[in-house]
Amino acid sequence: MKLVIAAPVLLLAVAGCTQEHPAPLPSPTGICQAEPAQRFVGQQATPALTDQVQRASGAATARRITPEMRVTMEFSDTRVNVWVGLKGEAERITCG
């Protein structure tokens, strides 16, 4: 009789040792890669261009920064910045 009671307990103990480990988390998406978006430098920095820069860089968000704008300087690896010159062209494209 004791063997019948001990068998389920033993099975539960062994089953706990054979569980699979959870799968690793996927790598974060939306991380900015500015290099592929550099081809847009020199073009008119319209909202449509900013969207194209965002897609090319893989960034989750984008911001268009004009000369008179005040912007926060905290770094975000999921954001691409389109720096606009005085003539309205994209002067530089950076992550952050």
Protein backbone atom coordinates (compact mmCIF):
# COMPACT_ATOMS: atom_id res chain seq x y z
CA MET A 1 0.00 0.00 0.00
CA LYS A 2 2.84 2.41 0.77
CA LEU A 3 4.30 1.74 -2.66
CA VAL A 4 1.08 2.84 -4.38
CA ILE A 5 1.12 6.21 -2.54
CA ALA A 6 4.84 6.78 -3.10
CA ALA A 7 4.68 6.10 -6.87
CA PRO A 8 2.66 9.24 -7.80
CA VAL A 9 4.86 11.40 -5.58
CA LEU A 10 7.98 9.94 -7.21
CA LEU A 11 6.54 10.54 -10.70
CA LEU A 12 5.80 14.20 -9.87
CA ALA A 13 9.32 14.69 -8.56
CA VAL A 14 10.86 13.19 -11.71
CA ALA A 15 8.50 15.14 -13.99
CA GLY A 16 9.67 18.38 -12.40
CA CYS A 17 13.26 17.57 -13.36
CA THR A 18 12.46 16.97 -17.01
CA GLN A 19 10.63 20.20 -17.80
CA GLU A 20 11.99 22.18 -20.71
CA HIS A 21 13.53 25.57 -20.10
CA PRO A 22 11.56 28.50 -21.49
CA ALA A 23 12.62 29.70 -24.93
CA PRO A 24 14.93 32.73 -24.91
CA LEU A 25 13.30 36.07 -25.48
CA PRO A 26 13.46 37.36 -29.04
CA SER A 27 15.89 40.16 -29.75
CA PRO A 28 14.37 43.62 -29.38
CA THR A 29 12.67 45.01 -32.45
CA GLY A 30 12.72 48.58 -33.54
CA ILE A 31 16.41 49.18 -32.81
CA CYS A 32 17.74 52.05 -34.94
CA GLN A 33 20.41 51.39 -37.57
CA ALA A 34 21.24 54.80 -39.11
CA GLU A 35 23.60 53.57 -41.83
CA PRO A 36 20.91 52.27 -44.27
CA ALA A 37 19.08 55.62 -44.01
CA GLN A 38 22.07 57.79 -44.97
CA ARG A 39 20.97 57.76 -48.61
CA PHE A 40 18.26 60.29 -47.68
CA VAL A 41 20.74 62.98 -46.57
CA GLY A 42 20.42 66.01 -48.87
CA GLN A 43 16.77 65.38 -49.77
CA GLN A 44 13.91 67.63 -48.67
CA ALA A 45 12.97 66.55 -45.15
CA THR A 46 9.24 66.17 -45.60
CA PRO A 47 7.10 64.05 -43.26
CA ALA A 48 7.04 61.41 -46.02
CA LEU A 49 10.86 61.36 -46.10
CA THR A 50 10.92 61.00 -42.30
CA ASP A 51 8.67 57.93 -42.67
CA GLN A 52 11.04 56.49 -45.29
CA VAL A 53 14.02 57.14 -43.01
CA GLN A 54 12.24 55.36 -40.16
CA ARG A 55 11.51 52.30 -42.30
CA ALA A 56 15.06 52.21 -43.72
CA SER A 57 16.63 52.49 -40.27
CA GLY A 58 14.31 49.94 -38.65
CA ALA A 59 13.65 52.36 -35.78
CA ALA A 60 10.42 52.15 -33.80
CA THR A 61 10.05 55.95 -33.77
CA ALA A 62 11.35 58.92 -35.72
CA ARG A 63 11.62 62.62 -35.08
CA ARG A 64 12.29 65.50 -37.45
CA ILE A 65 14.47 68.13 -35.81
CA THR A 66 14.47 71.62 -37.31
CA PRO A 67 17.05 74.33 -36.46
CA GLU A 68 14.70 76.28 -34.18
CA MET A 69 13.39 73.22 -32.30
CA ARG A 70 14.22 72.38 -28.74
CA VAL A 71 14.57 68.67 -28.19
CA THR A 72 15.35 66.43 -25.28
CA MET A 73 18.78 64.85 -25.42
CA GLU A 74 18.04 61.52 -23.75
CA PHE A 75 19.23 58.62 -25.84
CA SER A 76 16.76 56.12 -27.24
CA ASP A 77 18.16 53.26 -29.30
CA THR A 78 14.75 52.80 -30.93
CA ARG A 79 14.53 56.33 -32.36
CA VAL A 80 15.97 57.82 -35.55
CA ASN A 81 16.54 61.58 -35.82
CA VAL A 82 16.29 63.51 -39.08
CA TRP A 83 18.22 66.76 -38.61
CA VAL A 84 16.83 69.41 -40.95
CA GLY A 85 18.98 72.23 -42.37
CA LEU A 86 17.96 75.86 -42.97
CA LYS A 87 16.88 75.04 -46.55
CA GLY A 88 14.64 72.18 -45.38
CA GLU A 89 16.93 69.33 -46.44
CA ALA A 90 17.95 66.39 -44.29
CA GLU A 91 21.42 67.40 -43.09
CA ARG A 92 22.17 64.30 -41.07
CA ILE A 93 20.45 61.18 -39.80
CA THR A 94 21.35 59.74 -36.42
CA CYS A 95 20.05 57.27 -33.90
CA GLY A 96 19.11 58.39 -30.46
